[in-house]
N, C-alpha and C. Protein backbone atom coordinates (compact mmCIF):
# COMPACT_ATOMS: atom_id res chain seq x y z
N MET A 1 0.85 -1.18 0.00
CA MET A 1 0.00 0.00 0.00
C MET A 1 0.88 1.23 0.00
N ALA A 2 0.52 2.21 -0.75
CA ALA A 2 1.31 3.43 -0.81
C ALA A 2 0.67 4.55 -0.02
N TYR A 3 -0.54 4.92 -0.34
CA TYR A 3 -1.21 6.01 0.35
C TYR A 3 -2.34 5.49 1.24
N VAL A 4 -2.56 6.19 2.34
CA VAL A 4 -3.52 5.78 3.36
C VAL A 4 -4.36 6.98 3.75
N VAL A 5 -5.64 6.75 3.97
CA VAL A 5 -6.53 7.79 4.49
C VAL A 5 -6.55 7.65 6.01
N GLY A 6 -6.30 8.75 6.70
CA GLY A 6 -6.21 8.72 8.16
C GLY A 6 -7.43 9.27 8.87
N ALA A 7 -7.26 9.44 10.16
CA ALA A 7 -8.33 9.82 11.08
C ALA A 7 -9.02 11.13 10.74
N ASP A 8 -8.29 12.08 10.18
CA ASP A 8 -8.90 13.39 9.91
C ASP A 8 -9.98 13.34 8.85
N CYS A 9 -10.08 12.23 8.12
CA CYS A 9 -11.12 12.10 7.11
C CYS A 9 -12.45 11.66 7.72
N VAL A 10 -12.42 11.04 8.89
CA VAL A 10 -13.65 10.53 9.49
C VAL A 10 -14.67 11.66 9.63
N ASP A 11 -15.83 11.46 9.07
CA ASP A 11 -16.96 12.38 9.07
C ASP A 11 -16.76 13.65 8.23
N VAL A 12 -15.76 13.66 7.36
CA VAL A 12 -15.56 14.81 6.47
C VAL A 12 -16.10 14.50 5.08
N LEU A 13 -15.60 13.50 4.42
CA LEU A 13 -16.07 13.05 3.10
C LEU A 13 -16.20 14.16 2.06
N ASP A 14 -15.16 14.94 1.92
CA ASP A 14 -15.15 16.04 0.96
C ASP A 14 -15.16 15.57 -0.50
N ARG A 15 -14.55 14.46 -0.81
CA ARG A 15 -14.48 13.85 -2.14
C ARG A 15 -13.56 14.55 -3.13
N ALA A 16 -12.84 15.57 -2.73
CA ALA A 16 -11.89 16.21 -3.64
C ALA A 16 -10.82 15.21 -4.06
N CYS A 17 -10.43 14.34 -3.15
CA CYS A 17 -9.41 13.33 -3.48
C CYS A 17 -9.92 12.37 -4.55
N VAL A 18 -11.19 12.01 -4.48
CA VAL A 18 -11.79 11.11 -5.46
C VAL A 18 -11.74 11.76 -6.84
N ASP A 19 -12.05 13.03 -6.92
CA ASP A 19 -12.04 13.75 -8.19
C ASP A 19 -10.64 13.82 -8.79
N GLU A 20 -9.62 13.87 -7.95
CA GLU A 20 -8.23 13.99 -8.44
C GLU A 20 -7.59 12.66 -8.81
N CYS A 21 -8.09 11.57 -8.28
CA CYS A 21 -7.46 10.27 -8.50
C CYS A 21 -7.62 9.82 -9.95
N PRO A 22 -6.50 9.66 -10.68
CA PRO A 22 -6.60 9.28 -12.09
C PRO A 22 -6.97 7.82 -12.32
N VAL A 23 -6.86 6.98 -11.29
CA VAL A 23 -7.17 5.56 -11.46
C VAL A 23 -8.40 5.11 -10.67
N ASN A 24 -9.11 6.05 -10.08
CA ASN A 24 -10.34 5.75 -9.33
C ASN A 24 -10.15 4.68 -8.27
N CYS A 25 -9.12 4.85 -7.44
CA CYS A 25 -8.84 3.84 -6.40
C CYS A 25 -9.29 4.28 -5.02
N ILE A 26 -10.04 5.39 -4.92
CA ILE A 26 -10.53 5.88 -3.64
C ILE A 26 -12.04 5.62 -3.57
N TYR A 27 -12.42 4.93 -2.50
CA TYR A 27 -13.81 4.51 -2.32
C TYR A 27 -14.37 5.15 -1.07
N ILE A 28 -15.64 5.51 -1.11
CA ILE A 28 -16.29 6.21 -0.01
C ILE A 28 -17.12 5.25 0.82
N GLY A 29 -16.82 5.20 2.11
CA GLY A 29 -17.62 4.43 3.04
C GLY A 29 -18.73 5.31 3.58
N ASP A 30 -19.18 5.03 4.78
CA ASP A 30 -20.20 5.85 5.40
C ASP A 30 -19.60 7.06 6.10
N ARG A 31 -18.44 6.87 6.73
CA ARG A 31 -17.83 7.95 7.52
C ARG A 31 -16.50 8.44 6.97
N MET A 32 -15.86 7.68 6.08
CA MET A 32 -14.57 8.11 5.54
C MET A 32 -14.30 7.46 4.20
N ALA A 33 -13.24 7.93 3.56
CA ALA A 33 -12.79 7.36 2.29
C ALA A 33 -11.68 6.35 2.56
N TYR A 34 -11.50 5.43 1.62
CA TYR A 34 -10.47 4.39 1.72
C TYR A 34 -9.75 4.28 0.39
N ILE A 35 -8.45 4.04 0.43
CA ILE A 35 -7.66 3.87 -0.79
C ILE A 35 -7.41 2.38 -1.00
N GLN A 36 -7.77 1.87 -2.18
CA GLN A 36 -7.56 0.46 -2.49
C GLN A 36 -6.07 0.27 -2.78
N PRO A 37 -5.35 -0.49 -1.94
CA PRO A 37 -3.90 -0.56 -2.05
C PRO A 37 -3.39 -1.18 -3.33
N ASP A 38 -4.13 -2.11 -3.93
CA ASP A 38 -3.66 -2.75 -5.17
C ASP A 38 -3.94 -1.90 -6.40
N GLU A 39 -4.86 -0.97 -6.30
CA GLU A 39 -5.19 -0.11 -7.43
C GLU A 39 -4.40 1.21 -7.43
N CYS A 40 -3.92 1.61 -6.28
CA CYS A 40 -3.17 2.87 -6.16
C CYS A 40 -1.86 2.77 -6.93
N VAL A 41 -1.57 3.79 -7.73
CA VAL A 41 -0.34 3.81 -8.53
C VAL A 41 0.69 4.79 -7.98
N ASP A 42 0.50 5.22 -6.74
CA ASP A 42 1.46 6.11 -6.06
C ASP A 42 1.69 7.43 -6.78
N CYS A 43 0.68 7.97 -7.41
CA CYS A 43 0.87 9.20 -8.19
C CYS A 43 0.87 10.47 -7.32
N ASN A 44 0.32 10.37 -6.10
CA ASN A 44 0.27 11.50 -5.17
C ASN A 44 -0.74 12.58 -5.53
N ALA A 45 -1.60 12.36 -6.49
CA ALA A 45 -2.58 13.37 -6.87
C ALA A 45 -3.59 13.64 -5.76
N CYS A 46 -3.91 12.64 -4.98
CA CYS A 46 -4.93 12.77 -3.94
C CYS A 46 -4.45 13.56 -2.73
N GLU A 47 -3.20 13.40 -2.37
CA GLU A 47 -2.70 14.01 -1.13
C GLU A 47 -2.87 15.53 -1.09
N PRO A 48 -2.43 16.29 -2.08
CA PRO A 48 -2.62 17.74 -2.00
C PRO A 48 -4.07 18.17 -2.19
N ALA A 49 -4.92 17.30 -2.74
CA ALA A 49 -6.33 17.65 -2.95
C ALA A 49 -7.15 17.54 -1.67
N CYS A 50 -6.65 16.83 -0.69
CA CYS A 50 -7.41 16.61 0.55
C CYS A 50 -7.45 17.89 1.38
N PRO A 51 -8.63 18.44 1.64
CA PRO A 51 -8.72 19.71 2.36
C PRO A 51 -8.38 19.60 3.85
N VAL A 52 -8.40 18.38 4.40
CA VAL A 52 -8.08 18.22 5.82
C VAL A 52 -6.74 17.50 6.03
N GLU A 53 -5.99 17.32 4.96
CA GLU A 53 -4.66 16.69 5.01
C GLU A 53 -4.71 15.34 5.71
N ALA A 54 -5.66 14.50 5.30
CA ALA A 54 -5.85 13.20 5.92
C ALA A 54 -5.22 12.06 5.12
N ILE A 55 -4.58 12.36 4.01
CA ILE A 55 -3.97 11.33 3.18
C ILE A 55 -2.46 11.38 3.36
N TYR A 56 -1.89 10.20 3.63
CA TYR A 56 -0.46 10.10 3.92
C TYR A 56 0.16 8.97 3.12
N PHE A 57 1.43 9.15 2.77
CA PHE A 57 2.19 8.01 2.29
C PHE A 57 2.31 7.06 3.48
N GLU A 58 2.24 5.78 3.23
CA GLU A 58 2.21 4.79 4.30
C GLU A 58 3.30 5.00 5.36
N ASP A 59 4.49 5.32 4.95
CA ASP A 59 5.60 5.52 5.90
C ASP A 59 5.48 6.82 6.68
N ASP A 60 4.58 7.71 6.28
CA ASP A 60 4.44 9.01 6.93
C ASP A 60 3.17 9.16 7.76
N VAL A 61 2.46 8.07 7.99
CA VAL A 61 1.24 8.12 8.80
C VAL A 61 1.63 8.60 10.20
N PRO A 62 0.95 9.61 10.73
CA PRO A 62 1.31 10.14 12.04
C PRO A 62 1.21 9.10 13.16
N ALA A 63 2.04 9.27 14.15
CA ALA A 63 2.01 8.39 15.32
C ALA A 63 0.60 8.39 15.90
N GLY A 64 0.14 7.22 16.27
CA GLY A 64 -1.20 7.08 16.82
C GLY A 64 -2.26 6.77 15.77
N GLN A 65 -1.92 6.92 14.48
CA GLN A 65 -2.88 6.64 13.42
C GLN A 65 -2.49 5.40 12.60
N GLU A 66 -1.52 4.65 13.08
CA GLU A 66 -1.06 3.48 12.34
C GLU A 66 -2.18 2.48 12.07
N VAL A 67 -3.18 2.42 12.93
CA VAL A 67 -4.30 1.51 12.76
C VAL A 67 -5.03 1.78 11.44
N PHE A 68 -4.96 3.00 10.93
CA PHE A 68 -5.64 3.32 9.68
C PHE A 68 -4.98 2.66 8.47
N ILE A 69 -3.71 2.27 8.58
CA ILE A 69 -3.07 1.50 7.51
C ILE A 69 -3.82 0.18 7.36
N ALA A 70 -4.03 -0.50 8.47
CA ALA A 70 -4.75 -1.78 8.44
C ALA A 70 -6.21 -1.60 8.04
N GLU A 71 -6.85 -0.53 8.50
CA GLU A 71 -8.27 -0.31 8.19
C GLU A 71 -8.48 -0.04 6.71
N ASN A 72 -7.56 0.70 6.06
CA ASN A 72 -7.68 0.93 4.62
C ASN A 72 -7.61 -0.40 3.88
N ALA A 73 -6.70 -1.28 4.26
CA ALA A 73 -6.60 -2.60 3.62
C ALA A 73 -7.81 -3.47 3.97
N ARG A 74 -8.21 -3.48 5.25
CA ARG A 74 -9.33 -4.31 5.72
C ARG A 74 -10.62 -4.00 4.95
N PHE A 75 -10.83 -2.75 4.60
CA PHE A 75 -12.03 -2.35 3.88
C PHE A 75 -12.21 -3.17 2.59
N PHE A 76 -11.11 -3.58 1.99
CA PHE A 76 -11.16 -4.32 0.73
C PHE A 76 -10.93 -5.81 0.91
N GLU A 77 -10.27 -6.21 2.00
CA GLU A 77 -9.87 -7.61 2.19
C GLU A 77 -10.85 -8.45 2.98
N GLU A 78 -11.72 -7.84 3.77
CA GLU A 78 -12.67 -8.58 4.60
C GLU A 78 -14.10 -8.15 4.24
N PRO A 79 -15.06 -9.06 4.40
CA PRO A 79 -16.44 -8.67 4.12
C PRO A 79 -16.87 -7.50 5.01
N LEU A 80 -17.49 -6.52 4.43
CA LEU A 80 -18.02 -5.38 5.17
C LEU A 80 -19.41 -5.72 5.70
N PRO A 81 -19.90 -4.99 6.68
CA PRO A 81 -21.25 -5.26 7.18
C PRO A 81 -22.27 -5.28 6.04
N GLY A 82 -23.08 -6.32 6.03
CA GLY A 82 -24.10 -6.45 4.99
C GLY A 82 -23.61 -7.06 3.69
N ARG A 83 -22.34 -7.47 3.64
CA ARG A 83 -21.79 -8.08 2.42
C ARG A 83 -21.29 -9.47 2.75
N ASP A 84 -21.46 -10.40 1.83
CA ASP A 84 -21.03 -11.78 2.05
C ASP A 84 -19.57 -12.02 1.66
N ALA A 85 -19.03 -11.16 0.82
CA ALA A 85 -17.67 -11.37 0.33
C ALA A 85 -16.89 -10.06 0.41
N PRO A 86 -15.56 -10.16 0.44
CA PRO A 86 -14.74 -8.94 0.43
C PRO A 86 -14.95 -8.15 -0.86
N LEU A 87 -14.73 -6.87 -0.78
CA LEU A 87 -14.86 -5.99 -1.94
C LEU A 87 -13.76 -6.27 -2.96
N GLY A 88 -12.56 -6.57 -2.48
CA GLY A 88 -11.44 -6.85 -3.37
C GLY A 88 -10.97 -5.60 -4.08
N ALA A 89 -10.70 -5.73 -5.37
CA ALA A 89 -10.25 -4.61 -6.20
C ALA A 89 -11.30 -4.37 -7.28
N PRO A 90 -12.29 -3.53 -6.99
CA PRO A 90 -13.39 -3.34 -7.93
C PRO A 90 -13.05 -2.52 -9.16
N GLY A 91 -11.85 -1.98 -9.24
CA GLY A 91 -11.45 -1.25 -10.43
C GLY A 91 -12.21 0.02 -10.68
N GLY A 92 -12.62 0.70 -9.63
CA GLY A 92 -13.32 1.97 -9.78
C GLY A 92 -14.76 1.83 -10.21
N ALA A 93 -15.26 0.59 -10.27
CA ALA A 93 -16.62 0.37 -10.75
C ALA A 93 -17.67 0.97 -9.84
N VAL A 94 -17.40 1.00 -8.55
CA VAL A 94 -18.33 1.58 -7.59
C VAL A 94 -17.49 2.39 -6.61
N THR A 95 -17.90 3.60 -6.33
CA THR A 95 -17.11 4.41 -5.41
C THR A 95 -17.82 4.73 -4.12
N GLU A 96 -19.13 4.75 -4.10
CA GLU A 96 -19.90 5.08 -2.90
C GLU A 96 -20.49 3.80 -2.33
N LEU A 97 -19.97 3.35 -1.19
CA LEU A 97 -20.41 2.08 -0.62
C LEU A 97 -21.28 2.22 0.61
N GLY A 98 -21.18 3.33 1.33
CA GLY A 98 -22.06 3.58 2.46
C GLY A 98 -21.85 2.73 3.69
N VAL A 99 -20.75 1.98 3.76
CA VAL A 99 -20.42 1.19 4.95
C VAL A 99 -18.95 1.39 5.27
N ASP A 100 -18.59 1.09 6.50
CA ASP A 100 -17.21 1.22 6.95
C ASP A 100 -16.76 -0.06 7.62
N THR A 101 -15.47 -0.14 7.90
CA THR A 101 -14.97 -1.23 8.73
C THR A 101 -15.56 -1.01 10.12
N ALA A 102 -15.60 -2.06 10.93
CA ALA A 102 -16.16 -1.95 12.27
C ALA A 102 -15.40 -0.92 13.10
N PHE A 103 -14.07 -0.85 12.93
CA PHE A 103 -13.26 0.11 13.68
C PHE A 103 -13.69 1.53 13.34
N VAL A 104 -13.79 1.85 12.06
CA VAL A 104 -14.14 3.21 11.64
C VAL A 104 -15.59 3.53 12.03
N ALA A 105 -16.48 2.57 11.90
CA ALA A 105 -17.87 2.81 12.27
C ALA A 105 -17.99 3.22 13.75
N ALA A 106 -17.14 2.65 14.58
CA ALA A 106 -17.19 2.96 16.03
C ALA A 106 -16.20 4.02 16.46
N TYR A 107 -15.39 4.52 15.54
CA TYR A 107 -14.31 5.45 15.88
C TYR A 107 -14.86 6.76 16.46
N GLN A 108 -14.25 7.18 17.54
CA GLN A 108 -14.58 8.46 18.16
C GLN A 108 -13.36 9.37 18.08
N PRO A 109 -13.41 10.41 17.25
CA PRO A 109 -12.25 11.32 17.13
C PRO A 109 -11.93 12.03 18.43
């Protein structure tokens, strides 16, 4: 995984990052956006577009937010609430999913 969406995105959902992503690898949950790690091409277009500076290169995730590295991956690797199978790599086919990982759904900033 190259880029990760962190805690500052929870409950913001501005979508400017989605508009800037040339490969459509950013997906919207209910409370935050997630970057699909296998679809991201490390172009960095999303990072400066984020109005709350919530997107980080994986090695630059702030201390205390490391859990968001796993949550970005988990969003695609494990079945989400109400789904029988993992999302996987949908290839930008659907961007608004309306659900989050259990951690993000319960997250209190």
